[in-house]
PDB file of N, CA and C in Angstrom:
ATOM      1  N   UNK A   1     -13.414 -16.679   5.510  1.00  0.00           N
ATOM      2  CA  UNK A   1     -12.248 -16.205   4.786  1.00  0.00           C
ATOM      3  C   UNK A   1     -11.262 -15.569   5.776  1.00  0.00           C
ATOM      4  N   UNK A   2     -10.014 -15.825   5.575  1.00  0.00           N
ATOM      5  CA  UNK A   2      -8.967 -15.273   6.441  1.00  0.00           C
ATOM      6  C   UNK A   2      -8.670 -13.830   6.022  1.00  0.00           C
ATOM      7  N   UNK A   3      -8.690 -12.935   7.007  1.00  0.00           N
ATOM      8  CA  UNK A   3      -8.401 -11.518   6.770  1.00  0.00           C
ATOM      9  C   UNK A   3      -6.929 -11.247   7.053  1.00  0.00           C
ATOM     10  N   UNK A   4      -6.391 -10.296   6.334  1.00  0.00           N
ATOM     11  CA  UNK A   4      -4.998  -9.884   6.546  1.00  0.00           C
ATOM     12  C   UNK A   4      -4.999  -8.370   6.663  1.00  0.00           C
ATOM     13  N   UNK A   5      -4.340  -7.859   7.694  1.00  0.00           N
ATOM     14  CA  UNK A   5      -4.245  -6.432   7.967  1.00  0.00           C
ATOM     15  C   UNK A   5      -2.781  -6.083   8.194  1.00  0.00           C
ATOM     16  N   UNK A   6      -2.237  -5.246   7.325  1.00  0.00           N
ATOM     17  CA  UNK A   6      -0.813  -4.953   7.422  1.00  0.00           C
ATOM     18  C   UNK A   6      -0.523  -3.470   7.280  1.00  0.00           C
ATOM     19  N   UNK A   7       0.624  -3.106   7.859  1.00  0.00           N
ATOM     20  CA  UNK A   7       1.226  -1.793   7.644  1.00  0.00           C
ATOM     21  C   UNK A   7       2.450  -2.036   6.788  1.00  0.00           C
ATOM     22  N   UNK A   8       2.575  -1.264   5.735  1.00  0.00           N
ATOM     23  CA  UNK A   8       3.711  -1.402   4.819  1.00  0.00           C
ATOM     24  C   UNK A   8       4.432  -0.062   4.762  1.00  0.00           C
ATOM     25  N   UNK A   9       5.736  -0.088   4.952  1.00  0.00           N
ATOM     26  CA  UNK A   9       6.562   1.098   4.733  1.00  0.00           C
ATOM     27  C   UNK A   9       7.391   0.816   3.481  1.00  0.00           C
ATOM     28  N   UNK A  10       7.292   1.734   2.522  1.00  0.00           N
ATOM     29  CA  UNK A  10       7.934   1.545   1.225  1.00  0.00           C
ATOM     30  C   UNK A  10       9.113   2.506   1.110  1.00  0.00           C
ATOM     31  N   UNK A  11      10.282   1.950   0.789  1.00  0.00           N
ATOM     32  CA  UNK A  11      11.519   2.717   0.626  1.00  0.00           C
ATOM     33  C   UNK A  11      11.894   2.750  -0.851  1.00  0.00           C
ATOM     34  N   UNK A  12      12.456   3.860  -1.292  1.00  0.00           N
ATOM     35  CA  UNK A  12      12.911   3.987  -2.677  1.00  0.00           C
ATOM     36  C   UNK A  12      12.515   5.347  -3.217  1.00  0.00           C
ATOM     37  N   UNK A  13      12.358   5.420  -4.535  1.00  0.00           N
ATOM     38  CA  UNK A  13      11.905   6.655  -5.181  1.00  0.00           C
ATOM     39  C   UNK A  13      10.374   6.581  -5.230  1.00  0.00           C
ATOM     40  N   UNK A  14       9.738   6.989  -4.117  1.00  0.00           N
ATOM     41  CA  UNK A  14       8.297   6.792  -3.967  1.00  0.00           C
ATOM     42  C   UNK A  14       7.533   8.078  -3.654  1.00  0.00           C
ATOM     43  N   UNK A  15       8.203   9.213  -3.660  1.00  0.00           N
ATOM     44  CA  UNK A  15       7.504  10.488  -3.473  1.00  0.00           C
ATOM     45  C   UNK A  15       7.752  11.367  -4.690  1.00  0.00           C
ATOM     46  N   UNK A  16       6.695  12.063  -5.114  1.00  0.00           N
ATOM     47  CA  UNK A  16       6.803  12.950  -6.264  1.00  0.00           C
ATOM     48  C   UNK A  16       6.738  12.221  -7.596  1.00  0.00           C
ATOM     49  N   UNK A  17       6.273  10.974  -7.591  1.00  0.00           N
ATOM     50  CA  UNK A  17       6.230  10.175  -8.825  1.00  0.00           C
ATOM     51  C   UNK A  17       4.851   9.545  -9.054  1.00  0.00           C
ATOM     52  N   UNK A  18       3.840   9.976  -8.297  1.00  0.00           N
ATOM     53  CA  UNK A  18       2.498   9.427  -8.441  1.00  0.00           C
ATOM     54  C   UNK A  18       2.295   8.096  -7.743  1.00  0.00           C
ATOM     55  N   UNK A  19       3.182   7.769  -6.812  1.00  0.00           N
ATOM     56  CA  UNK A  19       3.124   6.473  -6.145  1.00  0.00           C
ATOM     57  C   UNK A  19       1.848   6.287  -5.330  1.00  0.00           C
ATOM     58  N   UNK A  20       1.447   7.307  -4.570  1.00  0.00           N
ATOM     59  CA  UNK A  20       0.255   7.162  -3.723  1.00  0.00           C
ATOM     60  C   UNK A  20      -0.998   6.932  -4.559  1.00  0.00           C
ATOM     61  N   UNK A  21      -1.158   7.695  -5.623  1.00  0.00           N
ATOM     62  CA  UNK A  21      -2.367   7.557  -6.442  1.00  0.00           C
ATOM     63  C   UNK A  21      -2.358   6.248  -7.230  1.00  0.00           C
ATOM     64  N   UNK A  22      -1.185   5.803  -7.655  1.00  0.00           N
ATOM     65  CA  UNK A  22      -1.090   4.500  -8.318  1.00  0.00           C
ATOM     66  C   UNK A  22      -1.379   3.376  -7.328  1.00  0.00           C
ATOM     67  N   UNK A  23      -0.946   3.549  -6.083  1.00  0.00           N
ATOM     68  CA  UNK A  23      -1.246   2.572  -5.031  1.00  0.00           C
ATOM     69  C   UNK A  23      -2.746   2.512  -4.785  1.00  0.00           C
ATOM     70  N   UNK A  24      -3.390   3.672  -4.744  1.00  0.00           N
ATOM     71  CA  UNK A  24      -4.846   3.711  -4.569  1.00  0.00           C
ATOM     72  C   UNK A  24      -5.547   2.990  -5.710  1.00  0.00           C
ATOM     73  N   UNK A  25      -5.085   3.176  -6.935  1.00  0.00           N
ATOM     74  CA  UNK A  25      -5.695   2.501  -8.079  1.00  0.00           C
ATOM     75  C   UNK A  25      -5.615   0.981  -7.939  1.00  0.00           C
ATOM     76  N   UNK A  26      -4.462   0.481  -7.480  1.00  0.00           N
ATOM     77  CA  UNK A  26      -4.303  -0.962  -7.264  1.00  0.00           C
ATOM     78  C   UNK A  26      -5.269  -1.434  -6.180  1.00  0.00           C
ATOM     79  N   UNK A  27      -5.327  -0.707  -5.063  1.00  0.00           N
ATOM     80  CA  UNK A  27      -6.210  -1.084  -3.957  1.00  0.00           C
ATOM     81  C   UNK A  27      -7.680  -1.041  -4.376  1.00  0.00           C
ATOM     82  N   UNK A  28      -8.058  -0.022  -5.127  1.00  0.00           N
ATOM     83  CA  UNK A  28      -9.451   0.080  -5.584  1.00  0.00           C
ATOM     84  C   UNK A  28      -9.799  -1.070  -6.527  1.00  0.00           C
ATOM     85  N   UNK A  29      -8.895  -1.400  -7.420  1.00  0.00           N
ATOM     86  CA  UNK A  29      -9.132  -2.502  -8.363  1.00  0.00           C
ATOM     87  C   UNK A  29      -9.324  -3.820  -7.622  1.00  0.00           C
ATOM     88  N   UNK A  30      -8.582  -3.981  -6.517  1.00  0.00           N
ATOM     89  CA  UNK A  30      -8.652  -5.219  -5.734  1.00  0.00           C
ATOM     90  C   UNK A  30      -9.705  -5.150  -4.615  1.00  0.00           C
ATOM     91  N   UNK A  31     -10.418  -4.029  -4.525  1.00  0.00           N
ATOM     92  CA  UNK A  31     -11.462  -3.834  -3.496  1.00  0.00           C
ATOM     93  C   UNK A  31     -10.919  -3.972  -2.073  1.00  0.00           C
ATOM     94  N   UNK A  32      -9.790  -3.338  -1.812  1.00  0.00           N
ATOM     95  CA  UNK A  32      -9.175  -3.364  -0.486  1.00  0.00           C
ATOM     96  C   UNK A  32      -9.479  -2.074   0.262  1.00  0.00           C
ATOM     97  N   UNK A  33      -9.397  -2.126   1.567  1.00  0.00           N
ATOM     98  CA  UNK A  33      -9.578  -0.963   2.438  1.00  0.00           C
ATOM     99  C   UNK A  33      -8.229  -0.527   2.977  1.00  0.00           C
ATOM    100  N   UNK A  34      -8.132   0.767   3.287  1.00  0.00           N
ATOM    101  CA  UNK A  34      -6.910   1.254   3.914  1.00  0.00           C
ATOM    102  C   UNK A  34      -6.580   2.667   3.507  1.00  0.00           C
ATOM    103  N   UNK A  35      -5.290   2.985   3.604  1.00  0.00           N
ATOM    104  CA  UNK A  35      -4.836   4.335   3.289  1.00  0.00           C
ATOM    105  C   UNK A  35      -3.371   4.309   2.883  1.00  0.00           C
ATOM    106  N   UNK A  36      -2.968   5.390   2.239  1.00  0.00           N
ATOM    107  CA  UNK A  36      -1.570   5.574   1.844  1.00  0.00           C
ATOM    108  C   UNK A  36      -1.202   7.031   2.096  1.00  0.00           C
ATOM    109  N   UNK A  37       0.013   7.254   2.601  1.00  0.00           N
ATOM    110  CA  UNK A  37       0.461   8.623   2.848  1.00  0.00           C
ATOM    111  C   UNK A  37       1.977   8.720   2.785  1.00  0.00           C
ATOM    112  N   UNK A  38       2.459   9.912   2.418  1.00  0.00           N
ATOM    113  CA  UNK A  38       3.888  10.204   2.446  1.00  0.00           C
ATOM    114  C   UNK A  38       4.315  10.456   3.885  1.00  0.00           C
ATOM    115  N   UNK A  39       5.525  10.042   4.206  1.00  0.00           N
ATOM    116  CA  UNK A  39       6.126  10.350   5.496  1.00  0.00           C
ATOM    117  C   UNK A  39       7.270  11.329   5.288  1.00  0.00           C
ATOM    118  N   UNK A  40       7.639  12.007   6.347  1.00  0.00           N
ATOM    119  CA  UNK A  40       8.692  13.039   6.254  1.00  0.00           C
ATOM    120  C   UNK A  40      10.048  12.484   5.855  1.00  0.00           C
ATOM    121  N   UNK A  41      10.296  11.206   6.136  1.00  0.00           N
ATOM    122  CA  UNK A  41      11.610  10.622   5.810  1.00  0.00           C
ATOM    123  C   UNK A  41      11.689  10.138   4.362  1.00  0.00           C
ATOM    124  N   UNK A  42      10.718  10.552   3.520  1.00  0.00           N
ATOM    125  CA  UNK A  42      10.668  10.251   2.086  1.00  0.00           C
ATOM    126  C   UNK A  42      10.237   8.814   1.789  1.00  0.00           C
ATOM    127  N   UNK A  43       9.676   8.134   2.802  1.00  0.00           N
ATOM    128  CA  UNK A  43       9.079   6.827   2.577  1.00  0.00           C
ATOM    129  C   UNK A  43       7.573   7.015   2.422  1.00  0.00           C
ATOM    130  N   UNK A  44       6.888   5.924   2.106  1.00  0.00           N
ATOM    131  CA  UNK A  44       5.433   5.934   2.008  1.00  0.00           C
ATOM    132  C   UNK A  44       4.887   4.889   2.975  1.00  0.00           C
ATOM    133  N   UNK A  45       3.842   5.279   3.715  1.00  0.00           N
ATOM    134  CA  UNK A  45       3.194   4.392   4.673  1.00  0.00           C
ATOM    135  C   UNK A  45       1.856   3.937   4.084  1.00  0.00           C
ATOM    136  N   UNK A  46       1.640   2.620   4.100  1.00  0.00           N
ATOM    137  CA  UNK A  46       0.389   2.049   3.606  1.00  0.00           C
ATOM    138  C   UNK A  46      -0.216   1.196   4.713  1.00  0.00           C
ATOM    139  N   UNK A  47      -1.499   1.389   4.984  1.00  0.00           N
ATOM    140  CA  UNK A  47      -2.283   0.478   5.806  1.00  0.00           C
ATOM    141  C   UNK A  47      -3.281  -0.169   4.853  1.00  0.00           C
ATOM    142  N   UNK A  48      -3.343  -1.492   4.863  1.00  0.00           N
ATOM    143  CA  UNK A  48      -4.256  -2.181   3.950  1.00  0.00           C
ATOM    144  C   UNK A  48      -4.842  -3.396   4.640  1.00  0.00           C
ATOM    145  N   UNK A  49      -6.118  -3.645   4.348  1.00  0.00           N
ATOM    146  CA  UNK A  49      -6.759  -4.840   4.878  1.00  0.00           C
ATOM    147  C   UNK A  49      -7.746  -5.402   3.873  1.00  0.00           C
ATOM    148  N   UNK A  50      -7.889  -6.713   3.952  1.00  0.00           N
ATOM    149  CA  UNK A  50      -8.777  -7.440   3.054  1.00  0.00           C
ATOM    150  C   UNK A  50      -8.536  -8.921   3.235  1.00  0.00           C
ATOM    151  N   UNK A  51      -9.062  -9.714   2.297  1.00  0.00           N
ATOM    152  CA  UNK A  51      -8.810 -11.144   2.429  1.00  0.00           C
ATOM    153  C   UNK A  51      -7.353 -11.433   2.068  1.00  0.00           C
ATOM    154  N   UNK A  52      -6.781 -12.439   2.701  1.00  0.00           N
ATOM    155  CA  UNK A  52      -5.343 -12.705   2.629  1.00  0.00           C
ATOM    156  C   UNK A  52      -4.807 -12.829   1.200  1.00  0.00           C
ATOM    157  N   UNK A  53      -5.422 -13.625   0.314  1.00  0.00           N
ATOM    158  CA  UNK A  53      -4.862 -13.739  -1.033  1.00  0.00           C
ATOM    159  C   UNK A  53      -4.840 -12.406  -1.784  1.00  0.00           C
ATOM    160  N   UNK A  54      -5.855 -11.575  -1.563  1.00  0.00           N
ATOM    161  CA  UNK A  54      -5.920 -10.290  -2.256  1.00  0.00           C
ATOM    162  C   UNK A  54      -4.876  -9.321  -1.708  1.00  0.00           C
ATOM    163  N   UNK A  55      -4.695  -9.294  -0.398  1.00  0.00           N
ATOM    164  CA  UNK A  55      -3.654  -8.440   0.185  1.00  0.00           C
ATOM    165  C   UNK A  55      -2.274  -8.900  -0.289  1.00  0.00           C
ATOM    166  N   UNK A  56      -2.057 -10.202  -0.385  1.00  0.00           N
ATOM    167  CA  UNK A  56      -0.778 -10.714  -0.889  1.00  0.00           C
ATOM    168  C   UNK A  56      -0.545 -10.272  -2.336  1.00  0.00           C
ATOM    169  N   UNK A  57      -1.594 -10.273  -3.150  1.00  0.00           N
ATOM    170  CA  UNK A  57      -1.476  -9.790  -4.534  1.00  0.00           C
ATOM    171  C   UNK A  57      -1.137  -8.300  -4.552  1.00  0.00           C
ATOM    172  N   UNK A  58      -1.783  -7.524  -3.678  1.00  0.00           N
ATOM    173  CA  UNK A  58      -1.511  -6.091  -3.557  1.00  0.00           C
ATOM    174  C   UNK A  58      -0.040  -5.860  -3.215  1.00  0.00           C
ATOM    175  N   UNK A  59       0.464  -6.587  -2.226  1.00  0.00           N
ATOM    176  CA  UNK A  59       1.866  -6.437  -1.805  1.00  0.00           C
ATOM    177  C   UNK A  59       2.799  -6.743  -2.969  1.00  0.00           C
ATOM    178  N   UNK A  60       2.500  -7.778  -3.721  1.00  0.00           N
ATOM    179  CA  UNK A  60       3.328  -8.136  -4.873  1.00  0.00           C
ATOM    180  C   UNK A  60       3.371  -6.997  -5.894  1.00  0.00           C
ATOM    181  N   UNK A  61       2.220  -6.382  -6.152  1.00  0.00           N
ATOM    182  CA  UNK A  61       2.186  -5.269  -7.110  1.00  0.00           C
ATOM    183  C   UNK A  61       2.916  -4.044  -6.577  1.00  0.00           C
ATOM    184  N   UNK A  62       2.839  -3.797  -5.275  1.00  0.00           N
ATOM    185  CA  UNK A  62       3.545  -2.657  -4.680  1.00  0.00           C
ATOM    186  C   UNK A  62       5.055  -2.866  -4.767  1.00  0.00           C
ATOM    187  N   UNK A  63       5.517  -4.093  -4.543  1.00  0.00           N
ATOM    188  CA  UNK A  63       6.959  -4.376  -4.633  1.00  0.00           C
ATOM    189  C   UNK A  63       7.515  -4.030  -6.002  1.00  0.00           C
ATOM    190  N   UNK A  64       6.685  -4.177  -7.043  1.00  0.00           N
ATOM    191  CA  UNK A  64       7.125  -3.880  -8.414  1.00  0.00           C
ATOM    192  C   UNK A  64       6.918  -2.418  -8.794  1.00  0.00           C
ATOM    193  N   UNK A  65       6.458  -1.583  -7.870  1.00  0.00           N
ATOM    194  CA  UNK A  65       6.119  -0.170  -8.052  1.00  0.00           C
ATOM    195  C   UNK A  65       4.934  -0.032  -8.997  1.00  0.00           C
ATOM    196  N   UNK A  66       3.820   0.462  -8.481  1.00  0.00           N
ATOM    197  CA  UNK A  66       2.629   0.613  -9.309  1.00  0.00           C
ATOM    198  C   UNK A  66       2.718   1.751 -10.323  1.00  0.00           C
ATOM    199  N   UNK A  67       3.771   2.555 -10.247  1.00  0.00           N
ATOM    200  CA  UNK A  67       3.973   3.637 -11.212  1.00  0.00           C
ATOM    201  C   UNK A  67       5.310   3.438 -11.928  1.00  0.00           C
ATOM    202  N   UNK A  68       5.355   3.671 -13.225  1.00  0.00           N
ATOM    203  CA  UNK A  68       6.623   3.494 -13.948  1.00  0.00           C
ATOM    204  C   UNK A  68       7.684   4.523 -13.582  1.00  0.00           C
ATOM    205  N   UNK A  69       7.273   5.599 -12.907  1.00  0.00           N
ATOM    206  CA  UNK A  69       8.207   6.661 -12.543  1.00  0.00           C
ATOM    207  C   UNK A  69       8.868   6.422 -11.190  1.00  0.00           C
ATOM    208  N   UNK A  70       8.368   5.462 -10.440  1.00  0.00           N
ATOM    209  CA  UNK A  70       8.894   5.180  -9.108  1.00  0.00           C
ATOM    210  C   UNK A  70       9.831   3.988  -9.115  1.00  0.00           C
ATOM    211  N   UNK A  71      10.424   3.766  -7.963  1.00  0.00           N
ATOM    212  CA  UNK A  71      11.315   2.613  -7.775  1.00  0.00           C
ATOM    213  C   UNK A  71      11.202   2.179  -6.318  1.00  0.00           C
ATOM    214  N   UNK A  72      10.880   0.924  -6.105  1.00  0.00           N
ATOM    215  CA  UNK A  72      10.806   0.388  -4.754  1.00  0.00           C
ATOM    216  C   UNK A  72      12.093  -0.357  -4.466  1.00  0.00           C
ATOM    217  N   UNK A  73      12.835   0.114  -3.456  1.00  0.00           N
ATOM    218  CA  UNK A  73      14.084  -0.537  -3.064  1.00  0.00           C
ATOM    219  C   UNK A  73      13.854  -1.596  -2.002  1.00  0.00           C
ATOM    220  N   UNK A  74      12.883  -1.346  -1.128  1.00  0.00           N
ATOM    221  CA  UNK A  74      12.623  -2.265  -0.015  1.00  0.00           C
ATOM    222  C   UNK A  74      11.248  -1.964   0.563  1.00  0.00           C
ATOM    223  N   UNK A  75      10.634  -2.983   1.181  1.00  0.00           N
ATOM    224  CA  UNK A  75       9.411  -2.751   1.928  1.00  0.00           C
ATOM    225  C   UNK A  75       9.517  -3.451   3.273  1.00  0.00           C
ATOM    226  N   UNK A  76       8.871  -2.861   4.247  1.00  0.00           N
ATOM    227  CA  UNK A  76       8.818  -3.420   5.599  1.00  0.00           C
ATOM    228  C   UNK A  76       7.347  -3.663   5.910  1.00  0.00           C
ATOM    229  N   UNK A  77       6.998  -4.907   6.228  1.00  0.00           N
ATOM    230  CA  UNK A  77       5.601  -5.280   6.462  1.00  0.00           C
ATOM    231  C   UNK A  77       5.419  -5.701   7.912  1.00  0.00           C
ATOM    232  N   UNK A  78       4.398  -5.138   8.565  1.00  0.00           N
ATOM    233  CA  UNK A  78       4.071  -5.465   9.949  1.00  0.00           C
ATOM    234  C   UNK A  78       2.579  -5.761  10.034  1.00  0.00           C
ATOM    235  N   UNK A  79       2.220  -6.852  10.709  1.00  0.00           N
ATOM    236  CA  UNK A  79       0.804  -7.148  10.960  1.00  0.00           C
ATOM    237  C   UNK A  79       0.245  -6.132  11.949  1.00  0.00           C
ATOM    238  N   UNK A  80      -0.973  -5.652  11.693  1.00  0.00           N
ATOM    239  CA  UNK A  80      -1.624  -4.680  12.568  1.00  0.00           C
ATOM    240  C   UNK A  80      -3.066  -5.119  12.815  1.00  0.00           C
ATOM    241  N   UNK A  81      -3.723  -4.432  13.757  1.00  0.00           N
ATOM    242  CA  UNK A  81      -5.155  -4.636  13.941  1.00  0.00           C
ATOM    243  C   UNK A  81      -5.872  -4.045  12.735  1.00  0.00           C
ATOM    244  N   UNK A  82      -7.036  -4.561  12.455  1.00  0.00           N
ATOM    245  CA  UNK A  82      -7.780  -4.103  11.278  1.00  0.00           C
ATOM    246  C   UNK A  82      -8.090  -2.614  11.350  1.00  0.00           C
ATOM    247  N   UNK A  83      -7.880  -1.927  10.234  1.00  0.00           N
ATOM    248  CA  UNK A  83      -8.252  -0.521  10.146  1.00  0.00           C
ATOM    249  C   UNK A  83      -9.743  -0.430   9.875  1.00  0.00           C
ATOM    250  N   UNK A  84     -10.334   0.687  10.181  1.00  0.00           N
ATOM    251  CA  UNK A  84     -11.775   0.855  10.058  1.00  0.00           C
ATOM    252  C   UNK A  84     -12.178   1.593   8.786  1.00  0.00           C
ATOM    253  N   UNK A  85     -11.228   1.850   7.891  1.00  0.00           N
ATOM    254  CA  UNK A  85     -11.545   2.605   6.680  1.00  0.00           C
ATOM    255  C   UNK A  85     -12.520   1.845   5.798  1.00  0.00           C
ATOM    256  N   UNK A  86     -13.395   2.574   5.161  1.00  0.00           N
ATOM    257  CA  UNK A  86     -14.268   2.022   4.126  1.00  0.00           C
ATOM    258  C   UNK A  86     -13.706   2.518   2.805  1.00  0.00           C
ATOM    259  N   UNK A  87     -13.166   1.631   2.035  1.00  0.00           N
ATOM    260  CA  UNK A  87     -12.509   2.029   0.804  1.00  0.00           C
ATOM    261  C   UNK A  87     -11.033   2.294   1.068  1.00  0.00           C
ATOM    262  N   UNK A  88     -10.371   2.912   0.121  1.00  0.00           N
ATOM    263  CA  UNK A  88      -8.945   3.189   0.224  1.00  0.00           C
ATOM    264  C   UNK A  88      -8.737   4.676  -0.038  1.00  0.00           C
ATOM    265  N   UNK A  89      -8.050   5.362   0.886  1.00  0.00           N
ATOM    266  CA  UNK A  89      -7.890   6.809   0.770  1.00  0.00           C
ATOM    267  C   UNK A  89      -6.412   7.207   0.683  1.00  0.00           C
ATOM    268  N   UNK A  90      -6.191   8.337   0.033  1.00  0.00           N
ATOM    269  CA  UNK A  90      -4.872   8.966  -0.023  1.00  0.00           C
ATOM    270  C   UNK A  90      -4.872  10.073   1.002  1.00  0.00           C
ATOM    271  N   UNK A  91      -3.884  10.052   1.895  1.00  0.00           N
ATOM    272  CA  UNK A  91      -3.766  11.112   2.917  1.00  0.00           C
ATOM    273  C   UNK A  91      -2.704  12.102   2.520  1.00  0.00           C
TER     274      UNK A  91
END
């Protein structure tokens, strides 16, 4: 199976709206590994890894904002080396 490991920076109304915990719920449902955290510039940083089709599904759900209170204006995706996390954590 082909693995996909990406860093995603999410722009929009993504802090103070439950975005990180909703992102974790999506990742847990899809059995993905990685982490999510707020950055000082009011964006959210996500590292995620798993099989390619599942990571692509995760990205699609993130683009639509996993919380009804948030709004995703743009995302920036970069391929990275695989993270070593077991499970998905909120930082």
